Amino acid sequence: MKVISSEIVWSSSPDVLKYEAFFSVPELIEFPTEVPSQNAYAYFYPPTNPLYHDSMEEKPPLLVKNNGGPTAESRGSLNLNIQYWTSRGWAFVDVNYGGSTGYGREYRERLLRQRGIVDIDNCCGCAKYLVSSGKADVNRVCISGGSAGGYTTLAALAFRDVFKAGASLYGVADLKMLKDEGHKFESRYINNLVGDEKDFYERSPINFVDRFSCPIILFQGLEDKVVTPDQLRKIYQALKEKGLPVALVEYEGEQHGFRKAENIKYTLEQQMVFFARVIGGFKVADDITPLKIDNFDTSNDA
């Protein structure tokens, strides 16, 4: 599929309805967790594009996103960032892992002293459920998240072997640093979610960089006071030395969460291109210049 033309439309504009046929409508799914008789929830968006019909034999790639919690809630409202993926052939699932708001107290309290366990297991379990249901290609399952969701992404990639590639946007890599140096508004918020000092150490991906085993792209603001740039630089350097495909994008003037439109756009596009290149099996419809991937673009590696 080749892009003929494009235009910018505000999501609040009535003109957006002209593209309603391209919108993937989310399905609230319930899937089994690691705990017997205990389920979790997510919003599943199937790939949707009226101009293209996929092969009955081919399953789509899947992007797993987890909310920026750890006790937040993803909702099934219109999100054009999600539609960017589904209109280009991806299945997308937005996971409300145990601990998320909106499903009652018992569900919310599943994360007490289980941060870095329940959230990871639920994201992995959701991916496995969709693959086993025939809704995704097991060889093209990726994960992405920002901030606390970036932590779950990094932890899933370090401590589990489910995803083929991942993207972390200003993701927390060091839980102890977050506890010790986090801003005052969230002071001690994370304590009951993780546990003792041993738990903080053992669930921090930055302490186990040797366990990463798949391609990762990292995005970081250089003025971030919540997740300092040195955290993702350490992961980047470790993956580079290990020989894994890895890319690091650092933005001048950005803090914790990107604000500039051009950086938001670049982050979204480069995730798409990165996954397309490292897991293979499809081409990106848009004309996007890919950034250099260390240990992948071997002819240009230093």
Protein backbone atom coordinates (compact mmCIF):
# COMPACT_ATOMS: atom_id res chain seq x y z
CA MET A 1 0.00 0.00 0.00
CA LYS A 2 1.42 3.42 -0.98
CA VAL A 3 0.43 6.75 0.53
CA ILE A 4 -1.00 9.03 -2.17
CA SER A 5 -1.69 12.10 -0.06
CA SER A 6 -2.12 13.17 3.54
CA GLU A 7 -3.66 15.97 5.58
CA ILE A 8 -3.83 17.03 9.23
CA VAL A 9 -7.26 16.91 10.87
CA TRP A 10 -7.99 17.85 14.50
CA SER A 11 -9.46 14.89 16.36
CA SER A 12 -12.19 17.21 17.73
CA SER A 13 -13.17 18.42 14.26
CA PRO A 14 -16.35 17.12 12.56
CA ASP A 15 -14.15 16.48 9.52
CA VAL A 16 -12.60 13.54 11.35
CA LEU A 17 -15.80 11.57 10.68
CA LYS A 18 -14.85 11.42 7.01
CA TYR A 19 -12.27 8.87 8.06
CA GLU A 20 -14.58 6.81 10.24
CA ALA A 21 -14.13 3.74 8.02
CA PHE A 22 -10.44 3.74 8.95
CA PHE A 23 -11.10 3.77 12.70
CA SER A 24 -10.51 0.54 14.56
CA VAL A 25 -13.22 0.07 17.20
CA PRO A 26 -11.83 -1.38 20.43
CA GLU A 27 -13.10 -4.60 21.95
CA LEU A 28 -12.88 -4.99 25.72
CA ILE A 29 -11.27 -8.39 26.22
CA GLU A 30 -10.87 -10.48 29.35
CA PHE A 31 -7.97 -12.89 29.44
CA PRO A 32 -6.51 -15.39 31.96
CA THR A 33 -3.56 -14.43 34.17
CA GLU A 34 -0.82 -16.44 35.87
CA VAL A 35 -3.13 -16.83 38.90
CA PRO A 36 -5.76 -19.57 38.41
CA SER A 37 -9.35 -18.28 38.04
CA GLN A 38 -8.07 -14.67 37.96
CA ASN A 39 -8.55 -12.63 34.77
CA ALA A 40 -7.31 -9.25 33.55
CA TYR A 41 -8.59 -6.76 30.98
CA ALA A 42 -7.47 -4.90 27.89
CA TYR A 43 -8.80 -3.02 24.87
CA PHE A 44 -8.02 -4.84 21.64
CA TYR A 45 -7.95 -2.92 18.35
CA PRO A 46 -7.89 -5.05 15.17
CA PRO A 47 -6.10 -3.72 12.08
CA THR A 48 -8.58 -1.66 10.06
CA ASN A 49 -8.19 -0.12 6.62
CA PRO A 50 -10.96 -0.30 3.98
CA LEU A 51 -8.42 0.10 1.17
CA TYR A 52 -6.55 -3.06 2.04
CA HIS A 53 -7.56 -6.67 2.67
CA ASP A 54 -5.07 -8.98 4.30
CA SER A 55 -4.39 -12.60 3.47
CA MET A 56 -6.48 -15.14 5.36
CA GLU A 57 -3.29 -17.09 6.06
CA GLU A 58 -1.33 -14.14 7.51
CA LYS A 59 -1.75 -12.98 11.09
CA PRO A 60 -1.00 -9.30 11.81
CA PRO A 61 1.88 -8.00 13.92
CA LEU A 62 0.80 -6.99 17.42
CA LEU A 63 1.83 -4.01 19.52
CA VAL A 64 1.19 -4.35 23.24
CA LYS A 65 0.90 -1.07 25.15
CA ASN A 66 0.52 -0.78 28.89
CA ASN A 67 -0.90 2.27 30.61
CA GLY A 68 1.36 4.93 32.08
CA GLY A 69 0.21 4.01 35.59
CA PRO A 70 1.16 2.04 37.50
CA THR A 71 -2.35 2.62 38.87
CA ALA A 72 -3.84 4.50 35.92
CA GLU A 73 -6.43 3.25 33.41
CA SER A 74 -6.47 2.93 29.64
CA ARG A 75 -9.85 3.72 28.09
CA GLY A 76 -11.43 2.81 24.78
CA SER A 77 -11.83 6.37 23.52
CA LEU A 78 -10.59 7.63 20.17
CA ASN A 79 -6.81 7.87 20.17
CA LEU A 80 -5.26 8.75 16.83
CA ASN A 81 -1.88 7.44 17.97
CA ILE A 82 -3.47 3.99 18.19
CA GLN A 83 -5.25 4.46 14.86
CA TYR A 84 -1.88 5.21 13.28
CA TRP A 85 -0.92 1.58 13.95
CA THR A 86 -4.20 -0.12 13.13
CA SER A 87 -4.63 1.76 9.83
CA ARG A 88 -1.23 0.40 8.79
CA GLY A 89 -1.90 -3.26 9.40
CA TRP A 90 -1.06 -3.66 13.07
CA ALA A 91 -3.21 -5.18 15.77
CA PHE A 92 -2.96 -3.09 18.94
CA VAL A 93 -3.83 -3.95 22.53
CA ASP A 94 -3.98 -1.48 25.42
CA VAL A 95 -3.57 -3.47 28.64
CA ASN A 96 -5.13 -2.58 32.00
CA TYR A 97 -3.01 -4.95 34.04
CA GLY A 98 -3.81 -5.84 37.65
CA GLY A 99 -3.45 -2.68 39.72
CA SER A 100 -5.13 -0.44 37.18
CA THR A 101 -7.97 1.83 38.25
CA GLY A 102 -11.54 1.14 37.13
CA TYR A 103 -12.12 -2.52 38.03
CA GLY A 104 -12.71 -2.38 41.76
CA ARG A 105 -10.60 -2.48 44.92
CA GLU A 106 -9.52 -6.13 44.66
CA TYR A 107 -8.23 -5.51 41.15
CA ARG A 108 -6.47 -2.32 42.22
CA GLU A 109 -4.77 -4.08 45.16
CA ARG A 110 -3.33 -6.87 43.01
CA LEU A 111 -0.31 -4.64 42.49
CA LEU A 112 0.51 -4.18 46.19
CA ARG A 113 4.10 -5.40 46.61
CA GLN A 114 3.75 -6.93 43.13
CA ARG A 115 4.93 -4.08 40.90
CA GLY A 116 7.27 -5.64 38.38
CA ILE A 117 5.51 -9.00 38.59
CA VAL A 118 1.76 -8.67 38.03
CA ASP A 119 2.02 -5.93 35.40
CA ILE A 120 4.64 -7.85 33.43
CA ASP A 121 2.82 -11.18 33.69
CA ASN A 122 -0.45 -9.60 32.56
CA CYS A 123 1.11 -7.93 29.51
CA CYS A 124 2.82 -11.18 28.53
CA GLY A 125 -0.35 -13.14 29.21
CA CYS A 126 -2.41 -10.80 27.05
CA ALA A 127 0.02 -11.21 24.14
CA LYS A 128 -0.05 -15.00 24.49
CA TYR A 129 -3.85 -14.97 24.64
CA LEU A 130 -4.17 -12.98 21.41
CA VAL A 131 -1.65 -15.20 19.64
CA SER A 132 -3.44 -18.36 20.77
CA SER A 133 -6.75 -16.82 19.65
CA GLY A 134 -5.36 -16.40 16.14
CA LYS A 135 -5.42 -12.59 16.29
CA ALA A 136 -1.66 -11.99 16.10
CA ASP A 137 1.54 -13.41 14.65
CA VAL A 138 3.68 -14.98 17.38
CA ASN A 139 6.84 -13.93 15.54
CA ARG A 140 5.84 -10.27 15.34
CA VAL A 141 4.77 -9.35 18.87
CA CYS A 142 6.21 -6.07 20.19
CA ILE A 143 5.72 -3.94 23.30
CA SER A 144 5.84 -0.20 23.93
CA GLY A 145 5.23 2.13 26.84
CA GLY A 146 6.12 5.48 28.37
CA SER A 147 7.18 6.41 31.91
CA ALA A 148 5.74 3.72 34.23
CA GLY A 149 4.59 1.94 31.08
CA GLY A 150 8.16 2.22 29.87
CA TYR A 151 9.24 0.47 33.06
CA THR A 152 6.88 -2.44 32.38
CA THR A 153 8.20 -2.55 28.82
CA LEU A 154 11.84 -2.70 29.91
CA ALA A 155 11.10 -5.20 32.67
CA ALA A 156 9.15 -7.45 30.31
CA LEU A 157 12.06 -7.40 27.86
CA ALA A 158 14.64 -8.09 30.59
CA PHE A 159 12.79 -10.67 32.67
CA ARG A 160 10.53 -12.47 30.19
CA ASP A 161 10.93 -13.99 26.73
CA VAL A 162 7.67 -13.16 24.96
CA PHE A 163 8.30 -10.07 22.83
CA LYS A 164 10.42 -9.84 19.70
CA ALA A 165 11.20 -6.12 20.06
CA GLY A 166 10.31 -3.17 22.25
CA ALA A 167 10.21 0.61 22.56
CA SER A 168 10.69 2.54 25.79
CA LEU A 169 9.69 6.19 25.97
CA TYR A 170 11.36 7.85 29.00
CA GLY A 171 10.86 4.52 30.77
CA VAL A 172 11.79 3.97 34.41
CA ALA A 173 14.77 1.64 34.56
CA ASP A 174 15.79 2.12 38.20
CA LEU A 175 12.97 1.76 40.75
CA LYS A 176 15.18 2.74 43.68
CA MET A 177 16.19 6.00 42.04
CA LEU A 178 12.53 6.72 41.38
CA LYS A 179 11.76 6.10 45.06
CA ASP A 180 14.67 8.13 46.39
CA GLU A 181 14.58 11.05 43.97
CA GLY A 182 10.99 11.15 42.70
CA HIS A 183 9.04 14.40 42.89
CA LYS A 184 7.28 15.33 46.14
CA PHE A 185 3.75 14.77 44.85
CA GLU A 186 4.41 11.03 44.49
CA SER A 187 6.62 10.68 47.55
CA ARG A 188 6.33 7.13 49.01
CA TYR A 189 3.64 6.28 46.42
CA ILE A 190 5.75 3.48 44.98
CA ASN A 191 6.83 1.96 48.31
CA ASN A 192 3.77 -0.23 48.86
CA LEU A 193 3.72 -1.25 45.21
CA VAL A 194 7.21 -2.77 45.20
CA GLY A 195 8.26 -3.91 48.66
CA ASP A 196 11.63 -3.93 50.42
CA GLU A 197 15.06 -2.87 49.20
CA LYS A 198 15.75 -6.31 47.73
CA ASP A 199 12.58 -6.07 45.64
CA PHE A 200 13.55 -2.61 44.39
CA TYR A 201 16.90 -3.97 43.25
CA GLU A 202 15.71 -7.25 41.74
CA ARG A 203 12.88 -5.67 39.75
CA SER A 204 14.94 -2.85 38.23
CA PRO A 205 15.96 -3.63 34.62
CA ILE A 206 19.01 -1.37 34.92
CA ASN A 207 20.58 -3.92 37.29
CA PHE A 208 20.14 -6.77 34.81
CA VAL A 209 21.09 -5.34 31.44
CA ASP A 210 22.72 -8.66 30.54
CA ARG A 211 19.28 -10.25 30.34
CA PHE A 212 18.00 -8.21 27.40
CA SER A 213 17.84 -10.41 24.34
CA CYS A 214 15.87 -8.61 21.60
CA PRO A 215 16.01 -5.30 19.67
CA ILE A 216 15.02 -2.16 21.60
CA ILE A 217 14.55 1.49 20.65
CA LEU A 218 14.84 4.10 23.41
CA PHE A 219 13.49 7.67 23.49
CA GLN A 220 14.58 10.14 26.17
CA GLY A 221 14.27 13.83 27.01
CA LEU A 222 17.54 15.38 28.11
CA GLU A 223 15.85 17.60 30.71
CA ASP A 224 13.95 14.73 32.33
CA LYS A 225 14.16 14.97 36.13
CA VAL A 226 12.03 11.86 36.78
CA VAL A 227 13.94 9.41 34.59
CA THR A 228 17.46 10.73 34.17
CA PRO A 229 19.08 10.27 30.75
CA ASP A 230 21.89 8.15 32.18
CA GLN A 231 19.44 5.30 32.86
CA LEU A 232 18.58 4.67 29.22
CA ARG A 233 22.13 5.43 28.14
CA LYS A 234 23.32 2.56 30.33
CA ILE A 235 20.82 0.20 28.73
CA TYR A 236 21.71 1.46 25.27
CA GLN A 237 25.42 0.91 25.84
CA ALA A 238 24.89 -2.57 27.29
CA LEU A 239 22.77 -3.68 24.33
CA LYS A 240 25.22 -2.19 21.88
CA GLU A 241 28.11 -4.07 23.49
CA LYS A 242 26.05 -7.26 23.54
CA GLY A 243 25.49 -7.01 19.78
CA LEU A 244 21.72 -6.53 19.88
CA PRO A 245 20.02 -4.10 17.48
CA VAL A 246 19.45 -0.93 19.48
CA ALA A 247 18.78 2.78 18.88
CA LEU A 248 18.72 5.73 21.26
CA VAL A 249 16.95 9.02 20.48
CA GLU A 250 17.59 11.94 22.83
CA TYR A 251 15.65 15.20 22.60
CA GLU A 252 17.02 18.57 23.62
CA GLY A 253 14.54 20.62 25.63
CA GLU A 254 12.20 17.71 26.42
CA GLN A 255 11.33 16.63 29.94
CA HIS A 256 9.33 13.64 31.23
CA GLY A 257 6.87 13.23 28.41
CA PHE A 258 7.41 14.86 25.05
CA ARG A 259 5.70 18.18 24.30
CA LYS A 260 6.98 19.28 20.89
CA ALA A 261 4.82 18.13 17.98
CA GLU A 262 7.78 17.28 15.78
CA ASN A 263 9.26 15.03 18.50
CA ILE A 264 5.97 13.27 19.16
CA LYS A 265 5.59 12.62 15.44
CA TYR A 266 9.19 11.46 15.05
CA THR A 267 8.86 9.09 18.03
CA LEU A 268 5.74 7.47 16.62
CA GLU A 269 7.14 7.08 13.11
CA GLN A 270 10.50 5.74 14.20
CA GLN A 271 8.88 3.09 16.37
CA MET A 272 6.97 1.88 13.34
CA VAL A 273 10.04 1.81 11.11
CA PHE A 274 12.22 0.23 13.79
CA PHE A 275 9.79 -2.65 14.34
CA ALA A 276 9.29 -3.12 10.60
CA ARG A 277 13.01 -3.45 10.07
CA VAL A 278 14.02 -5.63 13.02
CA ILE A 279 11.13 -8.11 13.08
CA GLY A 280 10.50 -8.06 9.32
CA GLY A 281 7.55 -9.32 7.36
CA PHE A 282 6.12 -6.02 6.14
CA LYS A 283 6.95 -2.61 4.71
CA VAL A 284 5.95 0.76 6.09
CA ALA A 285 3.49 2.57 3.84
CA ASP A 286 4.73 6.05 4.73
CA ASP A 287 7.86 7.64 3.32
CA ILE A 288 9.93 7.78 6.51
CA THR A 289 13.70 8.02 6.68
CA PRO A 290 14.82 5.44 9.24
CA LEU A 291 17.33 6.31 11.92
CA LYS A 292 20.53 4.31 12.31
CA ILE A 293 20.21 1.08 14.29
CA ASP A 294 23.40 -0.06 15.96
CA ASN A 295 24.31 -3.70 15.31
CA PHE A 296 21.79 -3.76 12.47
CA ASP A 297 23.03 -1.19 9.96
CA THR A 298 26.41 -2.86 10.01
CA SER A 299 27.86 -0.91 7.10
CA ASN A 300 27.48 2.32 9.05
CA ASP A 301 28.41 1.10 12.52
CA ALA A 302 31.40 2.77 14.10
